[in-house]
PDB file of N, CA and C in Angstrom:
ATOM      1  N   MET A   1      -0.650   3.790  -9.559  1.00  0.00           N
ATOM      2  CA  MET A   1      -1.577   2.060  -9.941  1.00  0.00           C
ATOM      3  C   MET A   1      -0.744   0.964  -9.551  1.00  0.00           C
ATOM      4  N   LYS A   2      -0.508   0.102  -8.564  1.00  0.00           N
ATOM      5  CA  LYS A   2       0.421  -1.347  -8.353  1.00  0.00           C
ATOM      6  C   LYS A   2      -0.706  -2.265  -9.173  1.00  0.00           C
ATOM      7  N   ILE A   3      -0.312  -3.081  -9.740  1.00  0.00           N
ATOM      8  CA  ILE A   3      -0.121  -4.530 -10.711  1.00  0.00           C
ATOM      9  C   ILE A   3       0.034  -5.448  -9.772  1.00  0.00           C
ATOM     10  N   HIS A   4      -0.789  -6.418  -9.686  1.00  0.00           N
ATOM     11  CA  HIS A   4      -0.165  -7.810  -8.633  1.00  0.00           C
ATOM     12  C   HIS A   4      -0.434  -8.721  -9.990  1.00  0.00           C
ATOM     13  N   ILE A   5       0.283  -9.367  -9.953  1.00  0.00           N
ATOM     14  CA  ILE A   5       0.489 -10.661 -11.075  1.00  0.00           C
ATOM     15  C   ILE A   5       0.840 -11.663 -10.514  1.00  0.00           C
ATOM     16  N   ALA A   6       0.161 -12.813  -9.426  1.00  0.00           N
ATOM     17  CA  ALA A   6       0.903 -13.694  -8.894  1.00  0.00           C
ATOM     18  C   ALA A   6      -0.549 -15.009  -9.299  1.00  0.00           C
ATOM     19  N   LYS A   7      -0.325 -15.765  -9.863  1.00  0.00           N
ATOM     20  CA  LYS A   7      -1.182 -16.742 -10.044  1.00  0.00           C
ATOM     21  C   LYS A   7      -1.707 -17.429  -8.885  1.00  0.00           C
ATOM     22  N   GLY A   8      -1.194 -18.022  -8.179  1.00  0.00           N
ATOM     23  CA  GLY A   8      -0.792 -18.901  -6.780  1.00  0.00           C
ATOM     24  C   GLY A   8      -1.140 -17.737  -5.488  1.00  0.00           C
ATOM     25  N   ASN A   9      -1.094 -16.633  -5.460  1.00  0.00           N
ATOM     26  CA  ASN A   9      -0.455 -15.957  -4.376  1.00  0.00           C
ATOM     27  C   ASN A   9      -1.480 -14.775  -4.665  1.00  0.00           C
ATOM     28  N   ILE A  10      -2.483 -14.460  -4.337  1.00  0.00           N
ATOM     29  CA  ILE A  10      -3.407 -13.384  -4.677  1.00  0.00           C
ATOM     30  C   ILE A  10      -3.369 -12.514  -3.474  1.00  0.00           C
ATOM     31  N   PHE A  11      -3.637 -11.068  -3.596  1.00  0.00           N
ATOM     32  CA  PHE A  11      -3.701 -10.532  -2.320  1.00  0.00           C
ATOM     33  C   PHE A  11      -4.768 -10.560  -1.510  1.00  0.00           C
ATOM     34  N   ASP A  12      -4.841 -10.449  -0.068  1.00  0.00           N
ATOM     35  CA  ASP A  12      -5.980 -10.497   0.751  1.00  0.00           C
ATOM     36  C   ASP A  12      -6.520  -8.914   0.999  1.00  0.00           C
ATOM     37  N   ARG A  13      -7.126  -8.774   1.344  1.00  0.00           N
ATOM     38  CA  ARG A  13      -7.906  -6.920   1.587  1.00  0.00           C
ATOM     39  C   ARG A  13      -6.951  -6.321   2.278  1.00  0.00           C
ATOM     40  N   ASP A  14      -6.395  -6.836   3.359  1.00  0.00           N
ATOM     41  CA  ASP A  14      -5.003  -6.226   4.186  1.00  0.00           C
ATOM     42  C   ASP A  14      -3.872  -5.890   2.900  1.00  0.00           C
ATOM     43  N   GLN A  15      -3.565  -6.675   2.814  1.00  0.00           N
ATOM     44  CA  GLN A  15      -2.552  -6.591   2.084  1.00  0.00           C
ATOM     45  C   GLN A  15      -2.884  -5.715   0.906  1.00  0.00           C
ATOM     46  N   ALA A  16      -3.541  -5.761   0.302  1.00  0.00           N
ATOM     47  CA  ALA A  16      -4.353  -4.920  -0.735  1.00  0.00           C
ATOM     48  C   ALA A  16      -4.383  -3.216  -0.199  1.00  0.00           C
ATOM     49  N   LYS A  17      -4.413  -3.251   0.975  1.00  0.00           N
ATOM     50  CA  LYS A  17      -4.843  -1.959   1.449  1.00  0.00           C
ATOM     51  C   LYS A  17      -3.735  -1.582   1.469  1.00  0.00           C
ATOM     52  N   TYR A  18      -2.468  -2.190   1.895  1.00  0.00           N
ATOM     53  CA  TYR A  18      -1.423  -1.703   2.595  1.00  0.00           C
ATOM     54  C   TYR A  18      -0.308  -1.525   1.498  1.00  0.00           C
ATOM     55  N   VAL A  19      -0.728  -2.034   0.328  1.00  0.00           N
ATOM     56  CA  VAL A  19      -0.232  -1.330  -1.235  1.00  0.00           C
ATOM     57  C   VAL A  19      -0.627  -0.233  -1.191  1.00  0.00           C
ATOM     58  N   SER A  20      -1.865   0.023  -1.402  1.00  0.00           N
ATOM     59  CA  SER A  20      -2.582   1.058  -1.932  1.00  0.00           C
ATOM     60  C   SER A  20      -2.415   2.225  -1.049  1.00  0.00           C
ATOM     61  N   THR A  21      -2.152   2.137   0.004  1.00  0.00           N
ATOM     62  CA  THR A  21      -2.168   2.826   1.021  1.00  0.00           C
ATOM     63  C   THR A  21      -0.113   3.722   1.095  1.00  0.00           C
ATOM     64  N   CYS A  22       0.483   2.676   1.118  1.00  0.00           N
ATOM     65  CA  CYS A  22       2.083   2.920   0.546  1.00  0.00           C
ATOM     66  C   CYS A  22       2.037   4.110  -0.791  1.00  0.00           C
ATOM     67  N   LEU A  23       1.415   3.888  -1.662  1.00  0.00           N
ATOM     68  CA  LEU A  23       1.580   4.058  -2.496  1.00  0.00           C
ATOM     69  C   LEU A  23       0.702   5.748  -2.495  1.00  0.00           C
ATOM     70  N   TYR A  24      -0.436   5.803  -1.755  1.00  0.00           N
ATOM     71  CA  TYR A  24      -0.573   7.380  -1.495  1.00  0.00           C
ATOM     72  C   TYR A  24       0.156   7.839  -0.874  1.00  0.00           C
ATOM     73  N   GLN A  25       0.589   7.729  -0.064  1.00  0.00           N
ATOM     74  CA  GLN A  25       1.585   8.099   1.186  1.00  0.00           C
ATOM     75  C   GLN A  25       2.955   8.724   0.156  1.00  0.00           C
ATOM     76  N   TYR A  26       3.398   7.822  -0.780  1.00  0.00           N
ATOM     77  CA  TYR A  26       4.177   7.937  -1.387  1.00  0.00           C
ATOM     78  C   TYR A  26       4.051   9.273  -2.288  1.00  0.00           C
ATOM     79  N   LEU A  27       3.295   9.139  -2.991  1.00  0.00           N
ATOM     80  CA  LEU A  27       3.026  10.239  -4.160  1.00  0.00           C
ATOM     81  C   LEU A  27       2.592  11.579  -3.155  1.00  0.00           C
ATOM     82  N   ASP A  28       1.678  11.469  -1.909  1.00  0.00           N
ATOM     83  CA  ASP A  28       1.357  12.586  -1.223  1.00  0.00           C
ATOM     84  C   ASP A  28       2.762  13.427  -0.944  1.00  0.00           C
ATOM     85  N   LEU A  29       3.784  12.938  -0.759  1.00  0.00           N
ATOM     86  CA  LEU A  29       5.091  13.086   0.200  1.00  0.00           C
ATOM     87  C   LEU A  29       5.611  13.781  -1.383  1.00  0.00           C
ATOM     88  N   VAL A  30       5.767  13.052  -2.267  1.00  0.00           N
ATOM     89  CA  VAL A  30       6.718  13.726  -3.142  1.00  0.00           C
ATOM     90  C   VAL A  30       5.846  14.963  -4.304  1.00  0.00           C
ATOM     91  N   TYR A  31       4.250  14.385  -4.007  1.00  0.00           N
ATOM     92  CA  TYR A  31       3.581  16.276  -4.925  1.00  0.00           C
ATOM     93  C   TYR A  31       3.508  17.270  -3.650  1.00  0.00           C
ATOM     94  N   ASP A  32       3.812  17.112  -2.403  1.00  0.00           N
ATOM     95  CA  ASP A  32       3.608  18.049  -1.507  1.00  0.00           C
ATOM     96  C   ASP A  32       3.909  19.516  -2.106  1.00  0.00           C
ATOM     97  N   ASP A  33       4.546  19.708  -2.263  1.00  0.00           N
ATOM     98  CA  ASP A  33       5.312  21.185  -2.206  1.00  0.00           C
ATOM     99  C   ASP A  33       4.641  21.877  -3.761  1.00  0.00           C
ATOM    100  N   THR A  34       4.048  20.454  -4.358  1.00  0.00           N
ATOM    101  CA  THR A  34       3.946  21.284  -6.271  1.00  0.00           C
ATOM    102  C   THR A  34       2.449  21.887  -6.130  1.00  0.00           C
ATOM    103  N   GLY A  35       1.589  21.759  -5.100  1.00  0.00           N
ATOM    104  CA  GLY A  35       0.164  22.197  -5.617  1.00  0.00           C
ATOM    105  C   GLY A  35      -0.664  20.935  -5.869  1.00  0.00           C
ATOM    106  N   ILE A  36      -0.403  19.982  -6.491  1.00  0.00           N
ATOM    107  CA  ILE A  36      -0.762  18.454  -7.177  1.00  0.00           C
ATOM    108  C   ILE A  36      -1.431  17.895  -5.794  1.00  0.00           C
ATOM    109  N   ILE A  37      -2.867  17.885  -5.881  1.00  0.00           N
ATOM    110  CA  ILE A  37      -3.835  17.024  -4.829  1.00  0.00           C
ATOM    111  C   ILE A  37      -3.482  15.431  -4.983  1.00  0.00           C
ATOM    112  N   VAL A  38      -3.142  15.073  -4.704  1.00  0.00           N
ATOM    113  CA  VAL A  38      -3.019  13.101  -4.596  1.00  0.00           C
ATOM    114  C   VAL A  38      -4.366  12.424  -4.098  1.00  0.00           C
ATOM    115  N   LEU A  39      -5.198  11.920  -4.316  1.00  0.00           N
ATOM    116  CA  LEU A  39      -6.369  11.246  -4.232  1.00  0.00           C
ATOM    117  C   LEU A  39      -6.518   9.645  -3.584  1.00  0.00           C
ATOM    118  N   PRO A  40      -6.516   9.432  -2.301  1.00  0.00           N
ATOM    119  CA  PRO A  40      -6.053   8.298  -2.181  1.00  0.00           C
ATOM    120  C   PRO A  40      -7.376   7.420  -2.876  1.00  0.00           C
ATOM    121  N   GLU A  41      -8.514   7.928  -3.431  1.00  0.00           N
ATOM    122  CA  GLU A  41      -9.642   6.802  -3.802  1.00  0.00           C
ATOM    123  C   GLU A  41      -9.061   7.052  -5.729  1.00  0.00           C
ATOM    124  N   LEU A  42      -7.920   7.270  -5.875  1.00  0.00           N
ATOM    125  CA  LEU A  42      -7.121   7.105  -7.414  1.00  0.00           C
ATOM    126  C   LEU A  42      -5.796   6.284  -6.853  1.00  0.00           C
ATOM    127  N   CYS A  43      -5.497   5.762  -5.806  1.00  0.00           N
ATOM    128  CA  CYS A  43      -4.341   5.095  -5.275  1.00  0.00           C
ATOM    129  C   CYS A  43      -4.668   3.643  -5.396  1.00  0.00           C
ATOM    130  N   LEU A  44      -4.685   2.703  -6.538  1.00  0.00           N
ATOM    131  CA  LEU A  44      -4.994   1.806  -6.587  1.00  0.00           C
ATOM    132  C   LEU A  44      -4.090   0.749  -6.795  1.00  0.00           C
ATOM    133  N   SER A  45      -4.641  -0.327  -5.931  1.00  0.00           N
ATOM    134  CA  SER A  45      -3.943  -2.136  -5.732  1.00  0.00           C
ATOM    135  C   SER A  45      -4.497  -2.950  -6.846  1.00  0.00           C
ATOM    136  N   VAL A  46      -4.381  -3.184  -7.739  1.00  0.00           N
ATOM    137  CA  VAL A  46      -4.877  -4.197  -8.899  1.00  0.00           C
ATOM    138  C   VAL A  46      -4.609  -5.581  -8.526  1.00  0.00           C
ATOM    139  N   ASP A  47      -5.053  -6.387  -8.431  1.00  0.00           N
ATOM    140  CA  ASP A  47      -4.810  -7.866  -8.124  1.00  0.00           C
ATOM    141  C   ASP A  47      -5.258  -8.916  -9.447  1.00  0.00           C
ATOM    142  N   VAL A  48      -4.597  -8.760 -10.673  1.00  0.00           N
ATOM    143  CA  VAL A  48      -5.103  -9.358 -11.721  1.00  0.00           C
ATOM    144  C   VAL A  48      -5.840 -10.853 -11.693  1.00  0.00           C
ATOM    145  N   PHE A  49      -5.144 -12.077 -11.074  1.00  0.00           N
ATOM    146  CA  PHE A  49      -5.598 -13.099 -11.082  1.00  0.00           C
ATOM    147  C   PHE A  49      -6.856 -13.069  -9.667  1.00  0.00           C
ATOM    148  N   ALA A  50      -6.973 -12.945  -9.163  1.00  0.00           N
ATOM    149  CA  ALA A  50      -8.141 -12.398  -8.000  1.00  0.00           C
ATOM    150  C   ALA A  50      -9.406 -11.349  -8.218  1.00  0.00           C
ATOM    151  N   GLU A  51      -8.949 -10.607  -9.464  1.00  0.00           N
ATOM    152  CA  GLU A  51     -10.046  -9.781 -10.332  1.00  0.00           C
ATOM    153  C   GLU A  51     -10.669  -8.961  -9.312  1.00  0.00           C
ATOM    154  N   SER A  52      -9.626  -8.312  -8.598  1.00  0.00           N
ATOM    155  CA  SER A  52      -9.821  -7.004  -7.562  1.00  0.00           C
ATOM    156  C   SER A  52      -8.983  -6.093  -7.437  1.00  0.00           C
ATOM    157  N   PHE A  53      -9.876  -5.049  -7.091  1.00  0.00           N
ATOM    158  CA  PHE A  53      -8.968  -3.745  -6.912  1.00  0.00           C
ATOM    159  C   PHE A  53      -9.399  -2.977  -5.447  1.00  0.00           C
ATOM    160  N   PHE A  54      -8.316  -2.441  -4.714  1.00  0.00           N
ATOM    161  CA  PHE A  54      -8.735  -1.508  -3.623  1.00  0.00           C
ATOM    162  C   PHE A  54      -7.905  -0.506  -3.971  1.00  0.00           C
ATOM    163  N   THR A  55      -8.629   0.645  -3.322  1.00  0.00           N
ATOM    164  CA  THR A  55      -8.229   1.874  -3.169  1.00  0.00           C
ATOM    165  C   THR A  55      -7.599   2.435  -1.608  1.00  0.00           C
ATOM    166  N   ALA A  56      -6.818   3.282  -1.737  1.00  0.00           N
ATOM    167  CA  ALA A  56      -6.476   3.716  -0.251  1.00  0.00           C
ATOM    168  C   ALA A  56      -7.691   4.130   0.728  1.00  0.00           C
ATOM    169  N   PRO A  57      -7.483   4.031   1.760  1.00  0.00           N
ATOM    170  CA  PRO A  57      -8.593   4.418   2.704  1.00  0.00           C
ATOM    171  C   PRO A  57      -8.605   5.862   2.430  1.00  0.00           C
ATOM    172  N   THR A  58      -9.557   6.712   3.292  1.00  0.00           N
ATOM    173  CA  THR A  58      -9.680   7.928   3.166  1.00  0.00           C
ATOM    174  C   THR A  58      -8.972   8.278   4.619  1.00  0.00           C
ATOM    175  N   LYS A  59      -8.711   7.853   5.245  1.00  0.00           N
ATOM    176  CA  LYS A  59      -8.088   7.719   7.011  1.00  0.00           C
ATOM    177  C   LYS A  59      -7.171   6.547   6.932  1.00  0.00           C
ATOM    178  N   ILE A  60      -5.466   7.038   6.518  1.00  0.00           N
ATOM    179  CA  ILE A  60      -4.680   6.266   7.109  1.00  0.00           C
ATOM    180  C   ILE A  60      -4.087   6.065   8.111  1.00  0.00           C
ATOM    181  N   GLU A  61      -4.290   6.526   9.059  1.00  0.00           N
ATOM    182  CA  GLU A  61      -3.345   6.913  10.184  1.00  0.00           C
ATOM    183  C   GLU A  61      -2.987   5.218  10.830  1.00  0.00           C
ATOM    184  N   LYS A  62      -4.150   4.618  10.450  1.00  0.00           N
ATOM    185  CA  LYS A  62      -4.153   3.202  11.533  1.00  0.00           C
ATOM    186  C   LYS A  62      -2.888   1.913  10.708  1.00  0.00           C
ATOM    187  N   THR A  63      -3.422   2.420   8.999  1.00  0.00           N
ATOM    188  CA  THR A  63      -2.873   1.328   8.208  1.00  0.00           C
ATOM    189  C   THR A  63      -1.340   1.741   8.115  1.00  0.00           C
ATOM    190  N   LEU A  64      -0.675   2.933   8.499  1.00  0.00           N
ATOM    191  CA  LEU A  64       0.168   3.161   8.160  1.00  0.00           C
ATOM    192  C   LEU A  64       1.076   2.743   9.291  1.00  0.00           C
ATOM    193  N   GLU A  65       0.387   2.840  10.801  1.00  0.00           N
ATOM    194  CA  GLU A  65       1.056   2.096  12.081  1.00  0.00           C
ATOM    195  C   GLU A  65       1.329   0.801  12.296  1.00  0.00           C
ATOM    196  N   ASP A  66       0.513   0.010  11.004  1.00  0.00           N
ATOM    197  CA  ASP A  66       0.495  -1.699  11.180  1.00  0.00           C
ATOM    198  C   ASP A  66       1.226  -1.837  10.018  1.00  0.00           C
ATOM    199  N   ILE A  67       1.725  -0.710   8.982  1.00  0.00           N
ATOM    200  CA  ILE A  67       2.887  -1.196   7.879  1.00  0.00           C
ATOM    201  C   ILE A  67       3.923  -0.753   8.849  1.00  0.00           C
ATOM    202  N   GLU A  68       3.996   0.152   9.675  1.00  0.00           N
ATOM    203  CA  GLU A  68       5.243   0.359  10.814  1.00  0.00           C
ATOM    204  C   GLU A  68       5.779  -0.461  11.372  1.00  0.00           C
ATOM    205  N   THR A  69       4.711  -0.770  12.065  1.00  0.00           N
ATOM    206  CA  THR A  69       5.059  -2.182  12.681  1.00  0.00           C
ATOM    207  C   THR A  69       5.809  -3.383  12.202  1.00  0.00           C
ATOM    208  N   MET A  70       5.125  -3.761  10.822  1.00  0.00           N
ATOM    209  CA  MET A  70       5.698  -4.607   9.888  1.00  0.00           C
ATOM    210  C   MET A  70       7.380  -4.191   9.680  1.00  0.00           C
ATOM    211  N   CYS A  71       7.235  -3.262   9.377  1.00  0.00           N
ATOM    212  CA  CYS A  71       8.822  -2.506   8.971  1.00  0.00           C
ATOM    213  C   CYS A  71       9.821  -2.742  10.330  1.00  0.00           C
ATOM    214  N   ILE A  72       9.337  -2.447  11.442  1.00  0.00           N
ATOM    215  CA  ILE A  72      10.155  -2.455  12.502  1.00  0.00           C
ATOM    216  C   ILE A  72      10.605  -4.501  13.048  1.00  0.00           C
ATOM    217  N   GLU A  73       9.408  -5.464  12.357  1.00  0.00           N
ATOM    218  CA  GLU A  73      10.012  -6.400  12.801  1.00  0.00           C
ATOM    219  C   GLU A  73      10.319  -7.019  11.833  1.00  0.00           C
ATOM    220  N   ILE A  74      10.694  -6.634  10.050  1.00  0.00           N
ATOM    221  CA  ILE A  74      11.380  -7.062   9.440  1.00  0.00           C
ATOM    222  C   ILE A  74      12.794  -6.627   9.504  1.00  0.00           C
ATOM    223  N   LYS A  75      12.922  -5.212   9.812  1.00  0.00           N
ATOM    224  CA  LYS A  75      14.130  -4.684  10.448  1.00  0.00           C
ATOM    225  C   LYS A  75      15.051  -5.749  11.728  1.00  0.00           C
ATOM    226  N   ARG A  76      14.273  -6.040  12.482  1.00  0.00           N
ATOM    227  CA  ARG A  76      14.687  -7.087  13.426  1.00  0.00           C
ATOM    228  C   ARG A  76      14.965  -8.388  13.050  1.00  0.00           C
ATOM    229  N   ILE A  77      14.057  -8.877  12.229  1.00  0.00           N
ATOM    230  CA  ILE A  77      14.426 -10.430  11.757  1.00  0.00           C
ATOM    231  C   ILE A  77      15.713 -10.359  10.889  1.00  0.00           C
ATOM    232  N   TRP A  78      15.684  -9.366  10.502  1.00  0.00           N
ATOM    233  CA  TRP A  78      16.202  -9.558   9.007  1.00  0.00           C
ATOM    234  C   TRP A  78      17.679  -9.874   8.727  1.00  0.00           C
ATOM    235  N   PRO A  79      18.519  -9.421  10.115  1.00  0.00           N
ATOM    236  CA  PRO A  79      20.134 -10.312  10.219  1.00  0.00           C
ATOM    237  C   PRO A  79      19.982 -11.509  10.464  1.00  0.00           C
ATOM    238  N   ASN A  80      19.107 -12.310  10.892  1.00  0.00           N
ATOM    239  CA  ASN A  80      18.759 -13.283  11.115  1.00  0.00           C
ATOM    240  C   ASN A  80      18.437 -14.751  10.206  1.00  0.00           C
ATOM    241  N   VAL A  81      18.239 -13.920   8.962  1.00  0.00           N
ATOM    242  CA  VAL A  81      17.954 -14.619   7.744  1.00  0.00           C
ATOM    243  C   VAL A  81      18.702 -15.016   6.610  1.00  0.00           C
TER     244      VAL A  81
END
């Protein structure tokens, strides 16, 4: 579970989906060889002030592509910051 506590900066649906998907991907990779099954519906992004929570989608491929695109963009512009 990732808890977001920011009174003036609540997550929108996409941001919460990215967080829960990253959490799922990480746990799935870490526990891959252990026999432990990571369930996407138990990977939660909770936004306290928005009073909302989102689970990782069951099909994460498109979301992971979006995240990868964002990471490439950050890597590209980081030296200029």
